[in-house]
Full PDB file with SEQRES, HELIX, SHEET, SSBOND, CRYST1, ORIGX, SCALE, CONECT and MASTER records, all heavy atoms in Angstrom:
SEQRES   1 A   33  ALA ILE VAL GLU GLY LEU GLU GLN SER ALA ARG THR LEU          
SEQRES   2 A   33  GLY LEU LYS ARG LEU PHE CYS LEU THR PHE GLU VAL ASP          
SEQRES   3 A   33  PHE PHE THR ARG ARG GLY PHE                                  
HELIX    1 AA1 ILE A    2  THR A   12  1                                  11    
HELIX    2 AA2 VAL A   25  ARG A   30  1                                   6    
CRYST1    1.000    1.000    1.000  90.00  90.00  90.00 P 1           1          
ORIGX1      1.000000  0.000000  0.000000        0.00000                         
ORIGX2      0.000000  1.000000  0.000000        0.00000                         
ORIGX3      0.000000  0.000000  1.000000        0.00000                         
SCALE1      1.000000  0.000000  0.000000        0.00000                         
SCALE2      0.000000  1.000000  0.000000        0.00000                         
SCALE3      0.000000  0.000000  1.000000        0.00000                         
ATOM      1  N   ALA A   1      -2.050  -7.525  -6.276  1.00  0.00           N  
ATOM      2  CA  ALA A   1      -3.237  -7.022  -6.966  1.00  0.00           C  
ATOM      3  C   ALA A   1      -4.465  -7.041  -6.045  1.00  0.00           C  
ATOM      4  O   ALA A   1      -5.272  -6.105  -6.061  1.00  0.00           O  
ATOM      5  CB  ALA A   1      -3.496  -7.840  -8.227  1.00  0.00           C  
ATOM      6  N   ILE A   2      -4.591  -8.088  -5.262  1.00  0.00           N  
ATOM      7  CA  ILE A   2      -5.726  -8.158  -4.329  1.00  0.00           C  
ATOM      8  C   ILE A   2      -5.611  -7.044  -3.291  1.00  0.00           C  
ATOM      9  O   ILE A   2      -6.587  -6.331  -3.024  1.00  0.00           O  
ATOM     10  CB  ILE A   2      -5.809  -9.543  -3.660  1.00  0.00           C  
ATOM     11  CG1 ILE A   2      -6.173 -10.612  -4.690  1.00  0.00           C  
ATOM     12  CG2 ILE A   2      -6.831  -9.533  -2.508  1.00  0.00           C  
ATOM     13  CD1 ILE A   2      -6.032 -12.042  -4.188  1.00  0.00           C  
ATOM     14  N   VAL A   3      -4.425  -6.863  -2.708  1.00  0.00           N  
ATOM     15  CA  VAL A   3      -4.239  -5.813  -1.698  1.00  0.00           C  
ATOM     16  C   VAL A   3      -4.501  -4.441  -2.311  1.00  0.00           C  
ATOM     17  O   VAL A   3      -5.160  -3.598  -1.691  1.00  0.00           O  
ATOM     18  CB  VAL A   3      -2.838  -5.900  -1.052  1.00  0.00           C  
ATOM     19  CG1 VAL A   3      -2.551  -4.665  -0.208  1.00  0.00           C  
ATOM     20  CG2 VAL A   3      -2.729  -7.162  -0.204  1.00  0.00           C  
ATOM     21  N   GLU A   4      -4.030  -4.196  -3.517  1.00  0.00           N  
ATOM     22  CA  GLU A   4      -4.289  -2.904  -4.176  1.00  0.00           C  
ATOM     23  C   GLU A   4      -5.789  -2.685  -4.361  1.00  0.00           C  
ATOM     24  O   GLU A   4      -6.292  -1.578  -4.149  1.00  0.00           O  
ATOM     25  CB  GLU A   4      -3.560  -2.830  -5.514  1.00  0.00           C  
ATOM     26  CG  GLU A   4      -2.055  -2.656  -5.344  1.00  0.00           C  
ATOM     27  CD  GLU A   4      -1.274  -2.786  -6.656  1.00  0.00           C  
ATOM     28  OE1 GLU A   4      -1.891  -3.086  -7.717  1.00  0.00           O  
ATOM     29  OE2 GLU A   4      -0.042  -2.596  -6.612  1.00  0.00           O  
ATOM     30  N   GLY A   5      -6.517  -3.725  -4.737  1.00  0.00           N  
ATOM     31  CA  GLY A   5      -7.974  -3.607  -4.875  1.00  0.00           C  
ATOM     32  C   GLY A   5      -8.648  -3.315  -3.550  1.00  0.00           C  
ATOM     33  O   GLY A   5      -9.564  -2.476  -3.472  1.00  0.00           O  
ATOM     34  N   LEU A   6      -8.187  -3.978  -2.485  1.00  0.00           N  
ATOM     35  CA  LEU A   6      -8.759  -3.741  -1.155  1.00  0.00           C  
ATOM     36  C   LEU A   6      -8.430  -2.337  -0.663  1.00  0.00           C  
ATOM     37  O   LEU A   6      -9.267  -1.681  -0.034  1.00  0.00           O  
ATOM     38  CB  LEU A   6      -8.262  -4.804  -0.172  1.00  0.00           C  
ATOM     39  CG  LEU A   6      -8.706  -6.236  -0.472  1.00  0.00           C  
ATOM     40  CD1 LEU A   6      -7.988  -7.221   0.435  1.00  0.00           C  
ATOM     41  CD2 LEU A   6     -10.213  -6.389  -0.374  1.00  0.00           C  
ATOM     42  N   GLU A   7      -7.224  -1.857  -0.964  1.00  0.00           N  
ATOM     43  CA  GLU A   7      -6.862  -0.489  -0.577  1.00  0.00           C  
ATOM     44  C   GLU A   7      -7.731   0.527  -1.306  1.00  0.00           C  
ATOM     45  O   GLU A   7      -8.147   1.523  -0.715  1.00  0.00           O  
ATOM     46  CB  GLU A   7      -5.382  -0.225  -0.857  1.00  0.00           C  
ATOM     47  CG  GLU A   7      -4.472  -0.920   0.120  1.00  0.00           C  
ATOM     48  CD  GLU A   7      -2.998  -0.643  -0.147  1.00  0.00           C  
ATOM     49  OE1 GLU A   7      -2.662   0.115  -1.087  1.00  0.00           O  
ATOM     50  OE2 GLU A   7      -2.170  -1.197   0.605  1.00  0.00           O  
ATOM     51  N   GLN A   8      -8.027   0.267  -2.573  1.00  0.00           N  
ATOM     52  CA  GLN A   8      -8.914   1.173  -3.309  1.00  0.00           C  
ATOM     53  C   GLN A   8     -10.310   1.183  -2.682  1.00  0.00           C  
ATOM     54  O   GLN A   8     -10.919   2.231  -2.519  1.00  0.00           O  
ATOM     55  CB  GLN A   8      -8.981   0.784  -4.788  1.00  0.00           C  
ATOM     56  CG  GLN A   8      -9.781   1.765  -5.609  1.00  0.00           C  
ATOM     57  CD  GLN A   8      -9.286   3.201  -5.478  1.00  0.00           C  
ATOM     58  OE1 GLN A   8      -8.100   3.477  -5.579  1.00  0.00           O  
ATOM     59  NE2 GLN A   8     -10.192   4.121  -5.195  1.00  0.00           N  
ATOM     60  N   SER A   9     -10.801   0.014  -2.304  1.00  0.00           N  
ATOM     61  CA  SER A   9     -12.105  -0.058  -1.619  1.00  0.00           C  
ATOM     62  C   SER A   9     -12.057   0.724  -0.312  1.00  0.00           C  
ATOM     63  O   SER A   9     -13.007   1.427   0.030  1.00  0.00           O  
ATOM     64  CB  SER A   9     -12.487  -1.509  -1.335  1.00  0.00           C  
ATOM     65  OG  SER A   9     -12.696  -2.209  -2.530  1.00  0.00           O  
ATOM     66  N   ALA A  10     -10.947   0.599   0.421  1.00  0.00           N  
ATOM     67  CA  ALA A  10     -10.804   1.324   1.689  1.00  0.00           C  
ATOM     68  C   ALA A  10     -10.861   2.830   1.460  1.00  0.00           C  
ATOM     69  O   ALA A  10     -11.525   3.553   2.205  1.00  0.00           O  
ATOM     70  CB  ALA A  10      -9.490   0.932   2.374  1.00  0.00           C  
ATOM     71  N   ARG A  11     -10.168   3.289   0.438  1.00  0.00           N  
ATOM     72  CA  ARG A  11     -10.198   4.732   0.127  1.00  0.00           C  
ATOM     73  C   ARG A  11     -11.607   5.181  -0.234  1.00  0.00           C  
ATOM     74  O   ARG A  11     -12.057   6.241   0.190  1.00  0.00           O  
ATOM     75  CB  ARG A  11      -9.225   5.048  -1.008  1.00  0.00           C  
ATOM     76  CG  ARG A  11      -7.777   5.006  -0.594  1.00  0.00           C  
ATOM     77  CD  ARG A  11      -6.850   5.414  -1.756  1.00  0.00           C  
ATOM     78  NE  ARG A  11      -5.472   5.262  -1.377  1.00  0.00           N  
ATOM     79  CZ  ARG A  11      -4.746   4.156  -1.605  1.00  0.00           C  
ATOM     80  NH1 ARG A  11      -5.272   3.127  -2.240  1.00  0.00           N  
ATOM     81  NH2 ARG A  11      -3.493   4.096  -1.209  1.00  0.00           N  
ATOM     82  N   THR A  12     -12.302   4.366  -1.027  1.00  0.00           N  
ATOM     83  CA  THR A  12     -13.681   4.693  -1.423  1.00  0.00           C  
ATOM     84  C   THR A  12     -14.579   4.819  -0.190  1.00  0.00           C  
ATOM     85  O   THR A  12     -15.467   5.669  -0.149  1.00  0.00           O  
ATOM     86  CB  THR A  12     -14.228   3.614  -2.381  1.00  0.00           C  
ATOM     87  OG1 THR A  12     -13.407   3.590  -3.551  1.00  0.00           O  
ATOM     88  CG2 THR A  12     -15.667   3.880  -2.767  1.00  0.00           C  
ATOM     89  N   LEU A  13     -14.323   3.986   0.819  1.00  0.00           N  
ATOM     90  CA  LEU A  13     -15.107   4.017   2.058  1.00  0.00           C  
ATOM     91  C   LEU A  13     -14.665   5.137   3.003  1.00  0.00           C  
ATOM     92  O   LEU A  13     -15.266   5.324   4.060  1.00  0.00           O  
ATOM     93  CB  LEU A  13     -15.005   2.671   2.776  1.00  0.00           C  
ATOM     94  CG  LEU A  13     -15.712   1.514   2.084  1.00  0.00           C  
ATOM     95  CD1 LEU A  13     -15.323   0.187   2.728  1.00  0.00           C  
ATOM     96  CD2 LEU A  13     -17.220   1.708   2.114  1.00  0.00           C  
ATOM     97  N   GLY A  14     -13.597   5.847   2.656  1.00  0.00           N  
ATOM     98  CA  GLY A  14     -13.123   6.940   3.491  1.00  0.00           C  
ATOM     99  C   GLY A  14     -12.191   6.506   4.613  1.00  0.00           C  
ATOM    100  O   GLY A  14     -11.937   7.272   5.545  1.00  0.00           O  
ATOM    101  N   LEU A  15     -11.680   5.289   4.537  1.00  0.00           N  
ATOM    102  CA  LEU A  15     -10.755   4.824   5.577  1.00  0.00           C  
ATOM    103  C   LEU A  15      -9.388   5.466   5.384  1.00  0.00           C  
ATOM    104  O   LEU A  15      -8.976   5.743   4.261  1.00  0.00           O  
ATOM    105  CB  LEU A  15     -10.634   3.297   5.542  1.00  0.00           C  
ATOM    106  CG  LEU A  15     -11.946   2.528   5.707  1.00  0.00           C  
ATOM    107  CD1 LEU A  15     -11.694   1.034   5.641  1.00  0.00           C  
ATOM    108  CD2 LEU A  15     -12.653   2.905   6.989  1.00  0.00           C  
ATOM    109  N   LYS A  16      -8.697   5.690   6.471  1.00  0.00           N  
ATOM    110  CA  LYS A  16      -7.381   6.335   6.438  1.00  0.00           C  
ATOM    111  C   LYS A  16      -6.253   5.388   6.837  1.00  0.00           C  
ATOM    112  O   LYS A  16      -5.088   5.657   6.569  1.00  0.00           O  
ATOM    113  CB  LYS A  16      -7.344   7.546   7.389  1.00  0.00           C  
ATOM    114  CG  LYS A  16      -8.437   8.565   7.128  1.00  0.00           C  
ATOM    115  CD  LYS A  16      -8.179   9.317   5.858  1.00  0.00           C  
ATOM    116  CE  LYS A  16      -9.207  10.420   5.693  1.00  0.00           C  
ATOM    117  NZ  LYS A  16      -9.860  10.409   4.418  1.00  0.00           N  
ATOM    118  N   ARG A  17      -6.611   4.295   7.543  1.00  0.00           N  
ATOM    119  CA  ARG A  17      -5.594   3.354   8.019  1.00  0.00           C  
ATOM    120  C   ARG A  17      -6.074   1.931   7.787  1.00  0.00           C  
ATOM    121  O   ARG A  17      -7.258   1.643   7.905  1.00  0.00           O  
ATOM    122  CB  ARG A  17      -5.321   3.554   9.519  1.00  0.00           C  
ATOM    123  CG  ARG A  17      -4.824   4.939   9.867  1.00  0.00           C  
ATOM    124  CD  ARG A  17      -4.586   5.114  11.350  1.00  0.00           C  
ATOM    125  NE  ARG A  17      -5.828   4.926  12.098  1.00  0.00           N  
ATOM    126  CZ  ARG A  17      -5.886   4.648  13.402  1.00  0.00           C  
ATOM    127  NH1 ARG A  17      -4.775   4.519  14.099  1.00  0.00           N  
ATOM    128  NH2 ARG A  17      -7.044   4.503  14.015  1.00  0.00           N  
ATOM    129  N   LEU A  18      -5.104   1.056   7.478  1.00  0.00           N  
ATOM    130  CA  LEU A  18      -5.398  -0.362   7.308  1.00  0.00           C  
ATOM    131  C   LEU A  18      -4.513  -1.172   8.228  1.00  0.00           C  
ATOM    132  O   LEU A  18      -3.307  -0.958   8.297  1.00  0.00           O  
ATOM    133  CB  LEU A  18      -5.151  -0.807   5.861  1.00  0.00           C  
ATOM    134  CG  LEU A  18      -6.185  -0.387   4.839  1.00  0.00           C  
ATOM    135  CD1 LEU A  18      -5.755  -0.843   3.448  1.00  0.00           C  
ATOM    136  CD2 LEU A  18      -7.546  -0.960   5.186  1.00  0.00           C  
ATOM    137  N   PHE A  19      -5.124  -2.134   8.893  1.00  0.00           N  
ATOM    138  CA  PHE A  19      -4.454  -3.037   9.813  1.00  0.00           C  
ATOM    139  C   PHE A  19      -4.363  -4.414   9.160  1.00  0.00           C  
ATOM    140  O   PHE A  19      -5.209  -4.792   8.356  1.00  0.00           O  
ATOM    141  CB  PHE A  19      -5.291  -3.136  11.098  1.00  0.00           C  
ATOM    142  CG  PHE A  19      -4.925  -4.272  12.006  1.00  0.00           C  
ATOM    143  CD1 PHE A  19      -3.782  -4.216  12.784  1.00  0.00           C  
ATOM    144  CD2 PHE A  19      -5.737  -5.389  12.098  1.00  0.00           C  
ATOM    145  CE1 PHE A  19      -3.442  -5.264  13.636  1.00  0.00           C  
ATOM    146  CE2 PHE A  19      -5.416  -6.441  12.946  1.00  0.00           C  
ATOM    147  CZ  PHE A  19      -4.258  -6.377  13.712  1.00  0.00           C  
ATOM    148  N   CYS A  20      -3.332  -5.173   9.510  1.00  0.00           N  
ATOM    149  CA  CYS A  20      -3.295  -6.592   9.182  1.00  0.00           C  
ATOM    150  C   CYS A  20      -2.533  -7.321  10.283  1.00  0.00           C  
ATOM    151  O   CYS A  20      -1.696  -6.728  10.971  1.00  0.00           O  
ATOM    152  CB  CYS A  20      -2.680  -6.865   7.809  1.00  0.00           C  
ATOM    153  SG  CYS A  20      -0.912  -6.567   7.716  1.00  0.00           S  
ATOM    154  N   LEU A  21      -2.847  -8.569  10.460  1.00  0.00           N  
ATOM    155  CA  LEU A  21      -2.149  -9.458  11.386  1.00  0.00           C  
ATOM    156  C   LEU A  21      -1.588 -10.564  10.517  1.00  0.00           C  
ATOM    157  O   LEU A  21      -2.348 -11.278   9.857  1.00  0.00           O  
ATOM    158  CB  LEU A  21      -3.119 -10.014  12.424  1.00  0.00           C  
ATOM    159  CG  LEU A  21      -2.512 -10.965  13.440  1.00  0.00           C  
ATOM    160  CD1 LEU A  21      -1.651 -10.174  14.444  1.00  0.00           C  
ATOM    161  CD2 LEU A  21      -3.600 -11.709  14.191  1.00  0.00           C  
ATOM    162  N   THR A  22      -0.263 -10.697  10.458  1.00  0.00           N  
ATOM    163  CA  THR A  22       0.307 -11.546   9.427  1.00  0.00           C  
ATOM    164  C   THR A  22       1.610 -12.216   9.831  1.00  0.00           C  
ATOM    165  O   THR A  22       2.340 -11.710  10.689  1.00  0.00           O  
ATOM    166  CB  THR A  22       0.549 -10.712   8.145  1.00  0.00           C  
ATOM    167  OG1 THR A  22       0.965 -11.570   7.096  1.00  0.00           O  
ATOM    168  CG2 THR A  22       1.583  -9.616   8.377  1.00  0.00           C  
ATOM    169  N   PHE A  23       1.887 -13.334   9.180  1.00  0.00           N  
ATOM    170  CA  PHE A  23       3.208 -13.949   9.210  1.00  0.00           C  
ATOM    171  C   PHE A  23       4.044 -13.403   8.052  1.00  0.00           C  
ATOM    172  O   PHE A  23       5.254 -13.550   8.035  1.00  0.00           O  
ATOM    173  CB  PHE A  23       3.104 -15.474   9.045  1.00  0.00           C  
ATOM    174  CG  PHE A  23       2.529 -16.184  10.240  1.00  0.00           C  
ATOM    175  CD1 PHE A  23       1.258 -16.728  10.206  1.00  0.00           C  
ATOM    176  CD2 PHE A  23       3.267 -16.314  11.403  1.00  0.00           C  
ATOM    177  CE1 PHE A  23       0.733 -17.397  11.298  1.00  0.00           C  
ATOM    178  CE2 PHE A  23       2.743 -16.975  12.512  1.00  0.00           C  
ATOM    179  CZ  PHE A  23       1.482 -17.515  12.456  1.00  0.00           C  
ATOM    180  N   GLU A  24       3.390 -12.808   7.054  1.00  0.00           N  
ATOM    181  CA  GLU A  24       4.053 -12.352   5.822  1.00  0.00           C  
ATOM    182  C   GLU A  24       4.502 -10.894   5.958  1.00  0.00           C  
ATOM    183  O   GLU A  24       4.078 -10.011   5.221  1.00  0.00           O  
ATOM    184  CB  GLU A  24       3.110 -12.526   4.622  1.00  0.00           C  
ATOM    185  CG  GLU A  24       2.645 -13.948   4.405  1.00  0.00           C  
ATOM    186  CD  GLU A  24       3.790 -14.900   4.053  1.00  0.00           C  
ATOM    187  OE1 GLU A  24       4.821 -14.435   3.512  1.00  0.00           O  
ATOM    188  OE2 GLU A  24       3.658 -16.101   4.343  1.00  0.00           O  
ATOM    189  N   VAL A  25       5.403 -10.658   6.900  1.00  0.00           N  
ATOM    190  CA  VAL A  25       5.850  -9.302   7.225  1.00  0.00           C  
ATOM    191  C   VAL A  25       6.517  -8.638   6.022  1.00  0.00           C  
ATOM    192  O   VAL A  25       6.247  -7.471   5.721  1.00  0.00           O  
ATOM    193  CB  VAL A  25       6.792  -9.317   8.450  1.00  0.00           C  
ATOM    194  CG1 VAL A  25       7.374  -7.940   8.721  1.00  0.00           C  
ATOM    195  CG2 VAL A  25       6.031  -9.837   9.673  1.00  0.00           C  
ATOM    196  N   ASP A  26       7.380  -9.346   5.320  1.00  0.00           N  
ATOM    197  CA  ASP A  26       8.084  -8.746   4.179  1.00  0.00           C  
ATOM    198  C   ASP A  26       7.104  -8.308   3.090  1.00  0.00           C  
ATOM    199  O   ASP A  26       7.230  -7.221   2.532  1.00  0.00           O  
ATOM    200  CB  ASP A  26       9.116  -9.717   3.591  1.00  0.00           C  
ATOM    201  CG  ASP A  26      10.292  -9.948   4.527  1.00  0.00           C  
ATOM    202  OD1 ASP A  26      10.491  -9.146   5.467  1.00  0.00           O  
ATOM    203  OD2 ASP A  26      11.012 -10.949   4.320  1.00  0.00           O  
ATOM    204  N   PHE A  27       6.119  -9.161   2.785  1.00  0.00           N  
ATOM    205  CA  PHE A  27       5.116  -8.825   1.776  1.00  0.00           C  
ATOM    206  C   PHE A  27       4.403  -7.527   2.146  1.00  0.00           C  
ATOM    207  O   PHE A  27       4.293  -6.609   1.329  1.00  0.00           O  
ATOM    208  CB  PHE A  27       4.110  -9.975   1.623  1.00  0.00           C  
ATOM    209  CG  PHE A  27       2.931  -9.635   0.749  1.00  0.00           C  
ATOM    210  CD1 PHE A  27       3.015  -9.760  -0.623  1.00  0.00           C  
ATOM    211  CD2 PHE A  27       1.738  -9.186   1.306  1.00  0.00           C  
ATOM    212  CE1 PHE A  27       1.931  -9.435  -1.444  1.00  0.00           C  
ATOM    213  CE2 PHE A  27       0.646  -8.865   0.508  1.00  0.00           C  
ATOM    214  CZ  PHE A  27       0.746  -8.987  -0.869  1.00  0.00           C  
ATOM    215  N   PHE A  28       3.924  -7.435   3.383  1.00  0.00           N  
ATOM    216  CA  PHE A  28       3.172  -6.246   3.785  1.00  0.00           C  
ATOM    217  C   PHE A  28       4.084  -5.029   3.952  1.00  0.00           C  
ATOM    218  O   PHE A  28       3.661  -3.906   3.686  1.00  0.00           O  
ATOM    219  CB  PHE A  28       2.342  -6.530   5.038  1.00  0.00           C  
ATOM    220  CG  PHE A  28       1.058  -7.265   4.726  1.00  0.00           C  
ATOM    221  CD1 PHE A  28       0.957  -8.631   4.902  1.00  0.00           C  
ATOM    222  CD2 PHE A  28      -0.040  -6.584   4.219  1.00  0.00           C  
ATOM    223  CE1 PHE A  28      -0.211  -9.314   4.597  1.00  0.00           C  
ATOM    224  CE2 PHE A  28      -1.219  -7.248   3.905  1.00  0.00           C  
ATOM    225  CZ  PHE A  28      -1.300  -8.620   4.086  1.00  0.00           C  
ATOM    226  N   THR A  29       5.325  -5.226   4.341  1.00  0.00           N  
ATOM    227  CA  THR A  29       6.264  -4.107   4.418  1.00  0.00           C  
ATOM    228  C   THR A  29       6.451  -3.496   3.026  1.00  0.00           C  
ATOM    229  O   THR A  29       6.457  -2.269   2.879  1.00  0.00           O  
ATOM    230  CB  THR A  29       7.621  -4.568   5.001  1.00  0.00           C  
ATOM    231  OG1 THR A  29       7.389  -5.038   6.335  1.00  0.00           O  
ATOM    232  CG2 THR A  29       8.625  -3.431   5.039  1.00  0.00           C  
ATOM    233  N   ARG A  30       6.574  -4.337   2.015  1.00  0.00           N  
ATOM    234  CA  ARG A  30       6.706  -3.837   0.634  1.00  0.00           C  
ATOM    235  C   ARG A  30       5.457  -3.080   0.188  1.00  0.00           C  
ATOM    236  O   ARG A  30       5.516  -2.261  -0.723  1.00  0.00           O  
ATOM    237  CB  ARG A  30       6.996  -4.990  -0.332  1.00  0.00           C  
ATOM    238  CG  ARG A  30       8.390  -5.568  -0.186  1.00  0.00           C  
ATOM    239  CD  ARG A  30       8.753  -6.516  -1.335  1.00  0.00           C  
ATOM    240  NE  ARG A  30       7.832  -7.629  -1.514  1.00  0.00           N  
ATOM    241  CZ  ARG A  30       7.926  -8.800  -0.871  1.00  0.00           C  
ATOM    242  NH1 ARG A  30       8.893  -9.026  -0.002  1.00  0.00           N  
ATOM    243  NH2 ARG A  30       7.045  -9.766  -1.116  1.00  0.00           N  
ATOM    244  N   ARG A  31       4.326  -3.334   0.807  1.00  0.00           N  
ATOM    245  CA  ARG A  31       3.072  -2.632   0.481  1.00  0.00           C  
ATOM    246  C   ARG A  31       2.891  -1.378   1.337  1.00  0.00           C  
ATOM    247  O   ARG A  31       1.841  -0.760   1.300  1.00  0.00           O  
ATOM    248  CB  ARG A  31       1.858  -3.546   0.708  1.00  0.00           C  
ATOM    249  CG  ARG A  31       1.947  -4.942   0.121  1.00  0.00           C  
ATOM    250  CD  ARG A  31       1.430  -5.058  -1.281  1.00  0.00           C  
ATOM    251  NE  ARG A  31       2.410  -4.922  -2.318  1.00  0.00           N  
ATOM    252  CZ  ARG A  31       3.414  -5.756  -2.575  1.00  0.00           C  
ATOM    253  NH1 ARG A  31       3.625  -6.802  -1.838  1.00  0.00           N  
ATOM    254  NH2 ARG A  31       4.235  -5.539  -3.574  1.00  0.00           N  
ATOM    255  N   GLY A  32       3.869  -1.027   2.183  1.00  0.00           N  
ATOM    256  CA  GLY A  32       3.782   0.197   2.978  1.00  0.00           C  
ATOM    257  C   GLY A  32       3.281   0.019   4.395  1.00  0.00           C  
ATOM    258  O   GLY A  32       3.049   1.004   5.091  1.00  0.00           O  
ATOM    259  N   PHE A  33       3.099  -1.211   4.849  1.00  0.00           N  
ATOM    260  CA  PHE A  33       2.687  -1.479   6.219  1.00  0.00           C  
ATOM    261  C   PHE A  33       3.915  -1.486   7.126  1.00  0.00           C  
ATOM    262  O   PHE A  33       5.015  -1.791   6.673  1.00  0.00           O  
ATOM    263  CB  PHE A  33       1.982  -2.836   6.328  1.00  0.00           C  
ATOM    264  CG  PHE A  33       0.593  -2.871   5.758  1.00  0.00           C  
ATOM    265  CD1 PHE A  33       0.396  -2.904   4.379  1.00  0.00           C  
ATOM    266  CD2 PHE A  33      -0.512  -2.888   6.589  1.00  0.00           C  
ATOM    267  CE1 PHE A  33      -0.880  -2.949   3.841  1.00  0.00           C  
ATOM    268  CE2 PHE A  33      -1.793  -2.927   6.058  1.00  0.00           C  
ATOM    269  CZ  PHE A  33      -1.984  -2.959   4.685  1.00  0.00           C  
TER     270      PHE A  33                                                      
MASTER        0    0    0    2    0    0    0    6  269    1    0    3          
END                                                                             
């Protein structure tokens, strides 16, 4: 839910790509990273 909210904010700002640096690869892979 937090990531979805941040992605919506990114879209509102006109961003096209999101970066993350993470140990939680599976979590972010499921979110499309």
